[in-house]
Structure formats: structure tokens, C-alpha cells
Amino acid sequence: MAYVGKVKVGSNSQPVLVGSTLYGVCDTTSATKAKVVTIAGLDKLYEGLTITVKFVERNATTSPTLNVSGTGPKKIASHGSTGVGVTAYSSWNDGSVISFTYVIIDGTGYWTMDGGVYLDGSTYSELTSSISTADGKADRSILNECPAFSATSTYKVGAMVTNNNRVYVCTTAVTTAGEWDASNWTATTLSTQCKARKGSVYMAAASWSGSGPWTQTVTISNASPSATVRSMVSLQPNATVLNHMASVGCAAIFITNNEDGTFTATAIQKKPTTNLTIQCLVEEVVG
């Protein structure tokens, strides 16, 4: 039961509103914008009211609202922000316990998120100092490397984003902008996706086209994980390949990422006249 009333505090001549600890549990699903929590005995909001909410599920939507005890949905603003509805995917994790203060700005009420912690095994970690990845906790600097998911953007297969304190790689192209759809993404880590790895490129002599420079579409093989729309591919020709290039007058061969899942090899001055398999280094560009 929550009790709210007016009492005199300290030397104040006017009584002020005070209340017992107001706590409730929200079990609204992560993808639902309208978060709902019931706090027994609370049926009216007043400016300065502070409540504590435990969220069974993380937040997986932008600009969520909070409806407390049927008082109506109110937009949530991040602590210290004057923006409206700025709360993003990384707002809270599964099991987070968050304090909210009710404020009125230009006649409209908002819940200001004051902070919180989330349960991680048997220990608590501050949400503002660490984030969760597919492998557990990771440094907050990951968010500075990988862009946050945007409901106004489209994504190609291989794109990487952060969402709700996790790093994801796009496995199904998002061709129409919209809210988060978990079926299009797979949880991963930057260390897994962005490590440099060895691969190989096969170039058939008969596949070169053009009249200089010459090009052909190639596949990046034997790289794990596979090359993506973010990959930079650097060729590492051995002595056999270099000797052949010199003998036919081929000045250079390089690989271009077309950012649509395909790669193009380009030969300058002269094209190779034999089939070539060249080792390559695959590295990722985040963003």
C-alpha cells in the first residue's frame, strides 16, 4: 500500500507532499512502446512524485511511454535531458530497477528516468558504466564504435548496430524503415565481427571484361566470419602471382566492395592471362 500526504519538513512553513516507497513491477514485453505498471494505492500523479519500477523485460523500442496505475501513458525522458521522448533502445536491460520522477514541462507531464541497475547473475552493474553483449558485459566504448539502431534507416545484410545494450549484425536486409524486428538481426560481438581474418579470391582468366581497366565479380572465400557489406579486402599475392603479373604487364589488382553483397576485382594496364587464386586479408569498417 502506498501512502501520500502533506507534512511539515524541517523549517518549512508550508507542508509538502511526501510518500512511502512507491514500487511496482512492469512485465510489458520489450517490443511494446506502452509500458504499464500498477502501484497499489496510487491513483493520482503530482509533480515531483518519484517511483521505482522493476522491468521484467528490457526496452526494445524508441520513445516508450509509462502508464502508472491507469493515470495514462506519459513519455519517458532521459535523466538530465530537456528533450521529449529521447529514451532509446539502450534505456534499460532485463531485470533493471529504475527510478522515475514525474515532471511537468509546458503543461505536459513526463516521467524522467533517473537511473538504475540491472541484475547480472549474482552481481549488480551500473547501466551507465557497462553494457551487455552476446557474451556478457562489455565496455561502454562499444557504443562509440557501433551506431545505434535507427527506426528511420534501412540496413543491408552485414550491417552492425547496437540495440538495447547489445551488438547485432543484420542477417536479413531491412529494406523498409521501421521499428526493431529481432528476426532481421543476430546478436554478436565486435571482436567476432571485426577481427581481421585470412581469405582467398579466385579470378578466372576468362572472366575479365572491359578494355582496360578490366573487371570481374569475385567471391571472398575461406574467411570466417564471411566478408560483409562493411569489409575491406586487401590482396596478398605470392611470388607466383607477382611473377605472372609482371610477365603480362599487369600493374596491379585490387578488390572493391560494392556494398550490396558483391565484390569486384580490377586489373590495371593489362589483365592476367591465367587463373589466379590470391590470398587476401578481410577487415571490417564499423558504421
C-alpha atoms as a PDB file:
ATOM      1  CA  MET A   1       0.000   0.000   0.000  1.00  0.00           C
ATOM      2  CA  ALA A   2       1.372   3.430  -0.914  1.00  0.00           C
ATOM      3  CA  TYR A   3       0.571   6.427   1.230  1.00  0.00           C
ATOM      4  CA  VAL A   4       0.829  10.045   0.088  1.00  0.00           C
ATOM      5  CA  GLY A   5       0.136  13.051   2.274  1.00  0.00           C
ATOM      6  CA  LYS A   6       1.312  16.501   3.365  1.00  0.00           C
ATOM      7  CA  VAL A   7       3.644  17.048   6.296  1.00  0.00           C
ATOM      8  CA  LYS A   8       5.952  19.788   7.501  1.00  0.00           C
ATOM      9  CA  VAL A   9       9.601  19.055   6.746  1.00  0.00           C
ATOM     10  CA  GLY A  10      12.359  20.883   8.657  1.00  0.00           C
ATOM     11  CA  SER A  11      11.782  24.601   8.981  1.00  0.00           C
ATOM     12  CA  ASN A  12       9.350  24.805   6.045  1.00  0.00           C
ATOM     13  CA  SER A  13       6.239  26.744   6.995  1.00  0.00           C
ATOM     14  CA  GLN A  14       4.175  25.054   4.318  1.00  0.00           C
ATOM     15  CA  PRO A  15       3.507  21.307   4.295  1.00  0.00           C
ATOM     16  CA  VAL A  16       4.924  19.352   1.389  1.00  0.00           C
ATOM     17  CA  LEU A  17       3.800  16.147  -0.290  1.00  0.00           C
ATOM     18  CA  VAL A  18       5.660  13.051   0.818  1.00  0.00           C
ATOM     19  CA  GLY A  19       5.048   9.361   0.215  1.00  0.00           C
ATOM     20  CA  SER A  20       6.170   5.930   1.192  1.00  0.00           C
ATOM     21  CA  THR A  21       8.336   3.955  -1.218  1.00  0.00           C
ATOM     22  CA  LEU A  22       6.287   3.549  -4.383  1.00  0.00           C
ATOM     23  CA  TYR A  23       7.358   0.344  -6.109  1.00  0.00           C
ATOM     24  CA  GLY A  24       5.890  -1.760  -8.884  1.00  0.00           C
ATOM     25  CA  VAL A  25       6.822  -4.420 -11.408  1.00  0.00           C
ATOM     26  CA  CYS A  26       6.366  -3.892 -15.158  1.00  0.00           C
ATOM     27  CA  ASP A  27       6.027  -7.063 -17.230  1.00  0.00           C
ATOM     28  CA  THR A  28       5.249  -5.329 -20.529  1.00  0.00           C
ATOM     29  CA  THR A  29       7.053  -7.032 -23.427  1.00  0.00           C
ATOM     30  CA  SER A  30      10.274  -5.402 -24.639  1.00  0.00           C
ATOM     31  CA  ALA A  31       8.914  -4.526 -28.100  1.00  0.00           C
ATOM     32  CA  THR A  32       5.801  -2.759 -26.765  1.00  0.00           C
ATOM     33  CA  LYS A  33       6.047   1.028 -26.545  1.00  0.00           C
ATOM     34  CA  ALA A  34       3.343   1.451 -23.901  1.00  0.00           C
ATOM     35  CA  LYS A  35       4.885   0.218 -20.637  1.00  0.00           C
ATOM     36  CA  VAL A  36       2.351  -0.419 -17.860  1.00  0.00           C
ATOM     37  CA  VAL A  37       2.920  -0.741 -14.115  1.00  0.00           C
ATOM     38  CA  THR A  38       0.468  -0.844 -11.206  1.00  0.00           C
ATOM     39  CA  ILE A  39       1.402   0.581  -7.804  1.00  0.00           C
ATOM     40  CA  ALA A  40      -1.131  -0.240  -5.109  1.00  0.00           C
ATOM     41  CA  GLY A  41      -2.833   2.807  -3.608  1.00  0.00           C
ATOM     42  CA  LEU A  42      -1.514   5.292  -6.186  1.00  0.00           C
ATOM     43  CA  ASP A  43      -4.230   6.782  -8.362  1.00  0.00           C
ATOM     44  CA  LYS A  44      -3.043  10.347  -8.976  1.00  0.00           C
ATOM     45  CA  LEU A  45       0.176  11.953 -10.206  1.00  0.00           C
ATOM     46  CA  TYR A  46       1.781  15.092  -8.873  1.00  0.00           C
ATOM     47  CA  GLU A  47       4.945  16.904  -9.942  1.00  0.00           C
ATOM     48  CA  GLY A  48       7.978  15.628  -8.085  1.00  0.00           C
ATOM     49  CA  LEU A  49       6.481  12.189  -7.444  1.00  0.00           C
ATOM     50  CA  THR A  50       9.192   9.540  -7.556  1.00  0.00           C
ATOM     51  CA  ILE A  51       8.517   5.860  -8.170  1.00  0.00           C
ATOM     52  CA  THR A  52      10.694   2.783  -8.546  1.00  0.00           C
ATOM     53  CA  VAL A  53       9.943   0.206 -11.235  1.00  0.00           C
ATOM     54  CA  LYS A  54      11.444  -3.201 -11.898  1.00  0.00           C
ATOM     55  CA  PHE A  55      11.254  -4.164 -15.578  1.00  0.00           C
ATOM     56  CA  VAL A  56      10.947  -7.883 -16.255  1.00  0.00           C
ATOM     57  CA  GLU A  57      11.987  -7.276 -19.874  1.00  0.00           C
ATOM     58  CA  ARG A  58      14.387  -4.808 -21.452  1.00  0.00           C
ATOM     59  CA  ASN A  59      13.291  -1.854 -23.547  1.00  0.00           C
ATOM     60  CA  ALA A  60      13.409  -2.558 -27.295  1.00  0.00           C
ATOM     61  CA  THR A  61      11.588   0.442 -28.707  1.00  0.00           C
ATOM     62  CA  THR A  62      12.234   4.144 -29.145  1.00  0.00           C
ATOM     63  CA  SER A  63      10.180   6.776 -27.298  1.00  0.00           C
ATOM     64  CA  PRO A  64       8.402   4.412 -24.899  1.00  0.00           C
ATOM     65  CA  THR A  65       5.676   5.635 -22.553  1.00  0.00           C
ATOM     66  CA  LEU A  66       4.928   4.701 -18.954  1.00  0.00           C
ATOM     67  CA  ASN A  67       1.369   4.316 -17.654  1.00  0.00           C
ATOM     68  CA  VAL A  68       1.358   4.140 -13.867  1.00  0.00           C
ATOM     69  CA  SER A  69      -1.750   2.764 -12.170  1.00  0.00           C
ATOM     70  CA  GLY A  70      -4.031   3.802 -15.015  1.00  0.00           C
ATOM     71  CA  THR A  71      -3.053   7.502 -14.862  1.00  0.00           C
ATOM     72  CA  GLY A  72      -2.375   7.499 -18.596  1.00  0.00           C
ATOM     73  CA  PRO A  73       0.703   6.969 -20.802  1.00  0.00           C
ATOM     74  CA  LYS A  74       3.422   9.580 -20.305  1.00  0.00           C
ATOM     75  CA  LYS A  75       6.537   9.903 -22.449  1.00  0.00           C
ATOM     76  CA  ILE A  76       9.835   8.970 -20.835  1.00  0.00           C
ATOM     77  CA  ALA A  77      12.761  11.408 -20.956  1.00  0.00           C
ATOM     78  CA  SER A  78      16.354  10.535 -20.103  1.00  0.00           C
ATOM     79  CA  HIS A  79      17.760  11.988 -16.900  1.00  0.00           C
ATOM     80  CA  GLY A  80      19.235  15.443 -17.365  1.00  0.00           C
ATOM     81  CA  SER A  81      17.668  15.946 -20.786  1.00  0.00           C
ATOM     82  CA  THR A  82      15.187  18.628 -21.768  1.00  0.00           C
ATOM     83  CA  GLY A  83      14.285  16.668 -24.900  1.00  0.00           C
ATOM     84  CA  VAL A  84      10.975  14.918 -25.191  1.00  0.00           C
ATOM     85  CA  GLY A  85      10.775  11.187 -25.712  1.00  0.00           C
ATOM     86  CA  VAL A  86      14.518  10.799 -26.093  1.00  0.00           C
ATOM     87  CA  THR A  87      14.750   7.440 -24.343  1.00  0.00           C
ATOM     88  CA  ALA A  88      16.411   4.985 -26.731  1.00  0.00           C
ATOM     89  CA  TYR A  89      16.903   1.236 -27.042  1.00  0.00           C
ATOM     90  CA  SER A  90      19.723   1.225 -24.518  1.00  0.00           C
ATOM     91  CA  SER A  91      17.453   2.622 -21.771  1.00  0.00           C
ATOM     92  CA  TRP A  92      17.316  -0.488 -19.596  1.00  0.00           C
ATOM     93  CA  ASN A  93      18.035  -4.196 -19.629  1.00  0.00           C
ATOM     94  CA  ASP A  94      16.124  -7.275 -18.438  1.00  0.00           C
ATOM     95  CA  GLY A  95      15.611  -7.033 -14.678  1.00  0.00           C
ATOM     96  CA  SER A  96      16.517  -3.338 -14.453  1.00  0.00           C
ATOM     97  CA  VAL A  97      15.306  -1.421 -11.405  1.00  0.00           C
ATOM     98  CA  ILE A  98      14.751   2.214 -12.410  1.00  0.00           C
ATOM     99  CA  SER A  99      13.621   5.312 -10.519  1.00  0.00           C
ATOM    100  CA  PHE A 100      11.356   7.799 -12.306  1.00  0.00           C
ATOM    101  CA  THR A 101      10.325  11.314 -11.309  1.00  0.00           C
ATOM    102  CA  TYR A 102       7.157  12.911 -12.649  1.00  0.00           C
ATOM    103  CA  VAL A 103       7.743  16.393 -14.091  1.00  0.00           C
ATOM    104  CA  ILE A 104       5.557  18.857 -15.976  1.00  0.00           C
ATOM    105  CA  ILE A 105       7.047  20.755 -18.923  1.00  0.00           C
ATOM    106  CA  ASP A 106       4.930  23.382 -20.692  1.00  0.00           C
ATOM    107  CA  GLY A 107       1.803  21.851 -19.222  1.00  0.00           C
ATOM    108  CA  THR A 108       2.638  18.280 -20.259  1.00  0.00           C
ATOM    109  CA  GLY A 109       3.645  15.540 -17.841  1.00  0.00           C
ATOM    110  CA  TYR A 110       6.661  13.283 -18.392  1.00  0.00           C
ATOM    111  CA  TRP A 111       8.446  10.548 -16.468  1.00  0.00           C
ATOM    112  CA  THR A 112      12.142  11.393 -16.125  1.00  0.00           C
ATOM    113  CA  MET A 113      14.332   8.311 -15.890  1.00  0.00           C
ATOM    114  CA  ASP A 114      16.698   8.912 -13.001  1.00  0.00           C
ATOM    115  CA  GLY A 115      18.908   5.839 -13.374  1.00  0.00           C
ATOM    116  CA  GLY A 116      19.096   2.261 -12.204  1.00  0.00           C
ATOM    117  CA  VAL A 117      20.861  -1.061 -12.090  1.00  0.00           C
ATOM    118  CA  TYR A 118      20.239  -4.450 -13.616  1.00  0.00           C
ATOM    119  CA  LEU A 119      20.756  -7.887 -12.227  1.00  0.00           C
ATOM    120  CA  ASP A 120      23.611  -9.806 -13.874  1.00  0.00           C
ATOM    121  CA  GLY A 121      23.927 -13.216 -12.247  1.00  0.00           C
ATOM    122  CA  SER A 122      24.639 -12.542  -8.577  1.00  0.00           C
ATOM    123  CA  THR A 123      26.054  -9.053  -9.039  1.00  0.00           C
ATOM    124  CA  TYR A 124      24.662  -5.644  -9.898  1.00  0.00           C
ATOM    125  CA  SER A 125      26.241  -3.378 -12.517  1.00  0.00           C
ATOM    126  CA  GLU A 126      25.553   0.270 -13.231  1.00  0.00           C
ATOM    127  CA  LEU A 127      23.761   0.725 -16.548  1.00  0.00           C
ATOM    128  CA  THR A 128      25.712   3.898 -17.215  1.00  0.00           C
ATOM    129  CA  SER A 129      29.094   2.223 -16.951  1.00  0.00           C
ATOM    130  CA  SER A 130      28.719  -1.119 -18.691  1.00  0.00           C
ATOM    131  CA  ILE A 131      26.627  -2.706 -21.392  1.00  0.00           C
ATOM    132  CA  SER A 132      25.597  -6.244 -22.224  1.00  0.00           C
ATOM    133  CA  THR A 133      26.678  -8.118 -25.348  1.00  0.00           C
ATOM    134  CA  ALA A 134      26.034 -11.635 -26.561  1.00  0.00           C
ATOM    135  CA  ASP A 135      28.971 -12.763 -24.407  1.00  0.00           C
ATOM    136  CA  GLY A 136      28.034 -10.778 -21.287  1.00  0.00           C
ATOM    137  CA  LYS A 137      29.228  -7.387 -20.141  1.00  0.00           C
ATOM    138  CA  ALA A 138      31.442  -5.180 -22.265  1.00  0.00           C
ATOM    139  CA  ASP A 139      32.849  -1.687 -22.015  1.00  0.00           C
ATOM    140  CA  ARG A 140      30.542   1.246 -22.808  1.00  0.00           C
ATOM    141  CA  SER A 141      33.068   2.322 -25.507  1.00  0.00           C
ATOM    142  CA  ILE A 142      31.451  -0.234 -27.829  1.00  0.00           C
ATOM    143  CA  LEU A 143      28.579   2.215 -28.233  1.00  0.00           C
ATOM    144  CA  ASN A 144      31.056   4.771 -29.537  1.00  0.00           C
ATOM    145  CA  GLU A 145      32.247   2.351 -32.225  1.00  0.00           C
ATOM    146  CA  CYS A 146      28.988   0.866 -33.430  1.00  0.00           C
ATOM    147  CA  PRO A 147      25.984   3.034 -34.418  1.00  0.00           C
ATOM    148  CA  ALA A 148      22.668   2.639 -32.599  1.00  0.00           C
ATOM    149  CA  PHE A 149      19.732   1.128 -34.462  1.00  0.00           C
ATOM    150  CA  SER A 150      17.507   3.756 -36.083  1.00  0.00           C
ATOM    151  CA  ALA A 151      13.856   3.185 -36.898  1.00  0.00           C
ATOM    152  CA  THR A 152      14.228   5.660 -39.781  1.00  0.00           C
ATOM    153  CA  SER A 153      17.031   3.768 -41.549  1.00  0.00           C
ATOM    154  CA  THR A 154      17.312   0.741 -43.812  1.00  0.00           C
ATOM    155  CA  TYR A 155      20.070  -1.864 -43.441  1.00  0.00           C
ATOM    156  CA  LYS A 156      21.949  -4.269 -45.677  1.00  0.00           C
ATOM    157  CA  VAL A 157      22.973  -7.765 -44.679  1.00  0.00           C
ATOM    158  CA  GLY A 158      26.148  -7.480 -42.613  1.00  0.00           C
ATOM    159  CA  ALA A 159      25.369  -4.050 -41.138  1.00  0.00           C
ATOM    160  CA  MET A 160      26.128  -3.741 -37.424  1.00  0.00           C
ATOM    161  CA  VAL A 161      24.190  -1.768 -34.804  1.00  0.00           C
ATOM    162  CA  THR A 162      23.716  -1.580 -31.076  1.00  0.00           C
ATOM    163  CA  ASN A 163      20.239  -2.138 -29.679  1.00  0.00           C
ATOM    164  CA  ASN A 164      19.259  -2.335 -26.036  1.00  0.00           C
ATOM    165  CA  ASN A 165      22.896  -2.598 -24.927  1.00  0.00           C
ATOM    166  CA  ARG A 166      23.704  -5.434 -27.326  1.00  0.00           C
ATOM    167  CA  VAL A 167      25.627  -5.582 -30.589  1.00  0.00           C
ATOM    168  CA  TYR A 168      23.769  -7.074 -33.563  1.00  0.00           C
ATOM    169  CA  VAL A 169      24.624  -7.960 -37.169  1.00  0.00           C
ATOM    170  CA  CYS A 170      21.939  -7.744 -39.858  1.00  0.00           C
ATOM    171  CA  THR A 171      21.173 -11.198 -41.290  1.00  0.00           C
ATOM    172  CA  THR A 172      18.071 -10.260 -43.306  1.00  0.00           C
ATOM    173  CA  ALA A 173      18.097  -6.991 -45.237  1.00  0.00           C
ATOM    174  CA  VAL A 174      15.872  -4.270 -43.779  1.00  0.00           C
ATOM    175  CA  THR A 175      14.521  -2.629 -46.921  1.00  0.00           C
ATOM    176  CA  THR A 176      11.755  -0.629 -45.238  1.00  0.00           C
ATOM    177  CA  ALA A 177      12.495   1.612 -42.258  1.00  0.00           C
ATOM    178  CA  GLY A 178      10.600   0.745 -39.115  1.00  0.00           C
ATOM    179  CA  GLU A 179      10.764  -0.419 -35.527  1.00  0.00           C
ATOM    180  CA  TRP A 180      13.149  -3.138 -34.356  1.00  0.00           C
ATOM    181  CA  ASP A 181      12.378  -6.624 -35.703  1.00  0.00           C
ATOM    182  CA  ALA A 182      14.538  -9.209 -33.982  1.00  0.00           C
ATOM    183  CA  SER A 183      14.086 -11.690 -36.850  1.00  0.00           C
ATOM    184  CA  ASN A 184      16.342  -9.494 -39.026  1.00  0.00           C
ATOM    185  CA  TRP A 185      19.251  -9.475 -36.584  1.00  0.00           C
ATOM    186  CA  THR A 186      21.633 -11.806 -34.765  1.00  0.00           C
ATOM    187  CA  ALA A 187      23.382 -10.916 -31.508  1.00  0.00           C
ATOM    188  CA  THR A 188      27.147 -10.816 -31.879  1.00  0.00           C
ATOM    189  CA  THR A 189      30.246  -9.033 -30.603  1.00  0.00           C
ATOM    190  CA  LEU A 190      32.569  -6.520 -32.203  1.00  0.00           C
ATOM    191  CA  SER A 191      35.513  -8.810 -31.537  1.00  0.00           C
ATOM    192  CA  THR A 192      33.823 -11.581 -33.522  1.00  0.00           C
ATOM    193  CA  GLN A 193      32.644  -9.458 -36.424  1.00  0.00           C
ATOM    194  CA  CYS A 194      35.555  -7.043 -36.764  1.00  0.00           C
ATOM    195  CA  LYS A 195      38.608  -9.218 -36.343  1.00  0.00           C
ATOM    196  CA  ALA A 196      40.984  -9.338 -39.295  1.00  0.00           C
ATOM    197  CA  ARG A 197      40.930 -12.748 -40.964  1.00  0.00           C
ATOM    198  CA  LYS A 198      42.549 -14.506 -43.876  1.00  0.00           C
ATOM    199  CA  GLY A 199      40.600 -15.421 -47.007  1.00  0.00           C
ATOM    200  CA  SER A 200      41.175 -16.078 -50.685  1.00  0.00           C
ATOM    201  CA  VAL A 201      39.954 -14.738 -54.032  1.00  0.00           C
ATOM    202  CA  TYR A 202      39.679 -16.777 -57.247  1.00  0.00           C
ATOM    203  CA  MET A 203      39.948 -14.907 -60.573  1.00  0.00           C
ATOM    204  CA  ALA A 204      39.333 -16.826 -63.780  1.00  0.00           C
ATOM    205  CA  ALA A 205      41.320 -15.688 -66.801  1.00  0.00           C
ATOM    206  CA  ALA A 206      38.226 -15.953 -68.987  1.00  0.00           C
ATOM    207  CA  SER A 207      36.087 -13.797 -66.678  1.00  0.00           C
ATOM    208  CA  TRP A 208      37.872 -10.463 -67.147  1.00  0.00           C
ATOM    209  CA  SER A 209      35.703  -7.948 -69.024  1.00  0.00           C
ATOM    210  CA  GLY A 210      36.271  -4.476 -70.439  1.00  0.00           C
ATOM    211  CA  SER A 211      39.088  -2.945 -72.442  1.00  0.00           C
ATOM    212  CA  GLY A 212      41.169  -1.533 -69.607  1.00  0.00           C
ATOM    213  CA  PRO A 213      40.875  -1.456 -66.754  1.00  0.00           C
ATOM    214  CA  TRP A 214      39.479  -4.989 -66.670  1.00  0.00           C
ATOM    215  CA  THR A 215      36.990  -6.171 -64.053  1.00  0.00           C
ATOM    216  CA  GLN A 216      35.211  -9.279 -62.855  1.00  0.00           C
ATOM    217  CA  THR A 217      32.878 -10.133 -59.984  1.00  0.00           C
ATOM    218  CA  VAL A 218      34.624 -12.299 -57.395  1.00  0.00           C
ATOM    219  CA  THR A 219      33.787 -14.182 -54.210  1.00  0.00           C
ATOM    220  CA  ILE A 220      35.707 -13.855 -50.960  1.00  0.00           C
ATOM    221  CA  SER A 221      36.241 -17.440 -49.809  1.00  0.00           C
ATOM    222  CA  ASN A 222      37.528 -19.127 -46.649  1.00  0.00           C
ATOM    223  CA  ALA A 223      37.050 -16.057 -44.429  1.00  0.00           C
ATOM    224  CA  SER A 224      35.270 -16.707 -41.134  1.00  0.00           C
ATOM    225  CA  PRO A 225      33.090 -14.828 -40.500  1.00  0.00           C
ATOM    226  CA  SER A 226      32.352 -14.164 -44.168  1.00  0.00           C
ATOM    227  CA  ALA A 227      33.002 -10.829 -45.843  1.00  0.00           C
ATOM    228  CA  THR A 228      30.110  -8.373 -45.487  1.00  0.00           C
ATOM    229  CA  VAL A 229      28.972  -5.001 -46.802  1.00  0.00           C
ATOM    230  CA  ARG A 230      31.443  -3.490 -44.302  1.00  0.00           C
ATOM    231  CA  SER A 231      34.502  -5.483 -45.415  1.00  0.00           C
ATOM    232  CA  MET A 232      37.734  -4.074 -46.775  1.00  0.00           C
ATOM    233  CA  VAL A 233      39.626  -6.706 -48.777  1.00  0.00           C
ATOM    234  CA  SER A 234      43.388  -6.403 -49.312  1.00  0.00           C
ATOM    235  CA  LEU A 235      45.085  -8.802 -51.713  1.00  0.00           C
ATOM    236  CA  GLN A 236      48.317 -10.510 -50.630  1.00  0.00           C
ATOM    237  CA  PRO A 237      49.777 -12.018 -53.841  1.00  0.00           C
ATOM    238  CA  ASN A 238      52.610 -14.542 -53.545  1.00  0.00           C
ATOM    239  CA  ALA A 239      55.707 -14.745 -55.765  1.00  0.00           C
ATOM    240  CA  THR A 240      53.959 -16.887 -58.401  1.00  0.00           C
ATOM    241  CA  VAL A 241      51.146 -14.367 -58.805  1.00  0.00           C
ATOM    242  CA  LEU A 242      53.512 -11.386 -58.834  1.00  0.00           C
ATOM    243  CA  ASN A 243      55.754 -13.017 -61.453  1.00  0.00           C
ATOM    244  CA  HIS A 244      52.749 -13.666 -63.707  1.00  0.00           C
ATOM    245  CA  MET A 245      51.504 -10.092 -63.341  1.00  0.00           C
ATOM    246  CA  ALA A 246      54.954  -8.763 -64.232  1.00  0.00           C
ATOM    247  CA  SER A 247      55.253 -11.063 -67.259  1.00  0.00           C
ATOM    248  CA  VAL A 248      51.968  -9.861 -68.802  1.00  0.00           C
ATOM    249  CA  GLY A 249      52.337  -6.202 -67.801  1.00  0.00           C
ATOM    250  CA  CYS A 250      49.562  -6.156 -65.175  1.00  0.00           C
ATOM    251  CA  ALA A 251      50.438  -3.240 -62.883  1.00  0.00           C
ATOM    252  CA  ALA A 252      48.026  -4.024 -60.054  1.00  0.00           C
ATOM    253  CA  ILE A 253      44.876  -5.881 -58.994  1.00  0.00           C
ATOM    254  CA  PHE A 254      42.595  -4.612 -56.250  1.00  0.00           C
ATOM    255  CA  ILE A 255      39.204  -5.502 -54.752  1.00  0.00           C
ATOM    256  CA  THR A 256      36.237  -3.131 -54.436  1.00  0.00           C
ATOM    257  CA  ASN A 257      33.346  -3.744 -52.037  1.00  0.00           C
ATOM    258  CA  ASN A 258      30.155  -2.832 -53.901  1.00  0.00           C
ATOM    259  CA  GLU A 259      28.251  -2.647 -50.584  1.00  0.00           C
ATOM    260  CA  ASP A 260      25.479  -4.861 -51.919  1.00  0.00           C
ATOM    261  CA  GLY A 261      26.983  -8.214 -51.040  1.00  0.00           C
ATOM    262  CA  THR A 262      29.230  -8.393 -54.110  1.00  0.00           C
ATOM    263  CA  PHE A 263      32.912  -7.668 -54.727  1.00  0.00           C
ATOM    264  CA  THR A 264      34.727  -6.583 -57.888  1.00  0.00           C
ATOM    265  CA  ALA A 265      38.337  -7.284 -58.854  1.00  0.00           C
ATOM    266  CA  THR A 266      40.010  -4.706 -61.090  1.00  0.00           C
ATOM    267  CA  ALA A 267      43.210  -5.203 -63.122  1.00  0.00           C
ATOM    268  CA  ILE A 268      45.195  -2.189 -64.374  1.00  0.00           C
ATOM    269  CA  GLN A 269      47.201  -1.787 -67.629  1.00  0.00           C
ATOM    270  CA  LYS A 270      46.986  -5.480 -68.603  1.00  0.00           C
ATOM    271  CA  LYS A 271      44.786  -8.357 -67.455  1.00  0.00           C
ATOM    272  CA  PRO A 272      46.114 -11.695 -66.172  1.00  0.00           C
ATOM    273  CA  THR A 273      46.081 -14.490 -68.744  1.00  0.00           C
ATOM    274  CA  THR A 274      45.890 -17.397 -66.309  1.00  0.00           C
ATOM    275  CA  ASN A 275      43.551 -18.380 -63.490  1.00  0.00           C
ATOM    276  CA  LEU A 276      44.677 -16.887 -60.191  1.00  0.00           C
ATOM    277  CA  THR A 277      43.895 -17.652 -56.551  1.00  0.00           C
ATOM    278  CA  ILE A 278      45.207 -14.902 -54.322  1.00  0.00           C
ATOM    279  CA  GLN A 279      45.283 -14.811 -50.526  1.00  0.00           C
ATOM    280  CA  CYS A 280      43.549 -11.777 -49.010  1.00  0.00           C
ATOM    281  CA  LEU A 281      43.078 -10.031 -45.677  1.00  0.00           C
ATOM    282  CA  VAL A 282      39.486  -9.153 -44.716  1.00  0.00           C
ATOM    283  CA  GLU A 283      38.886  -6.338 -42.232  1.00  0.00           C
ATOM    284  CA  GLU A 284      35.682  -4.579 -41.161  1.00  0.00           C
ATOM    285  CA  VAL A 285      34.720  -0.924 -41.113  1.00  0.00           C
ATOM    286  CA  VAL A 286      32.134  -0.254 -38.390  1.00  0.00           C
ATOM    287  CA  GLY A 287      29.365   2.211 -39.162  1.00  0.00           C
END
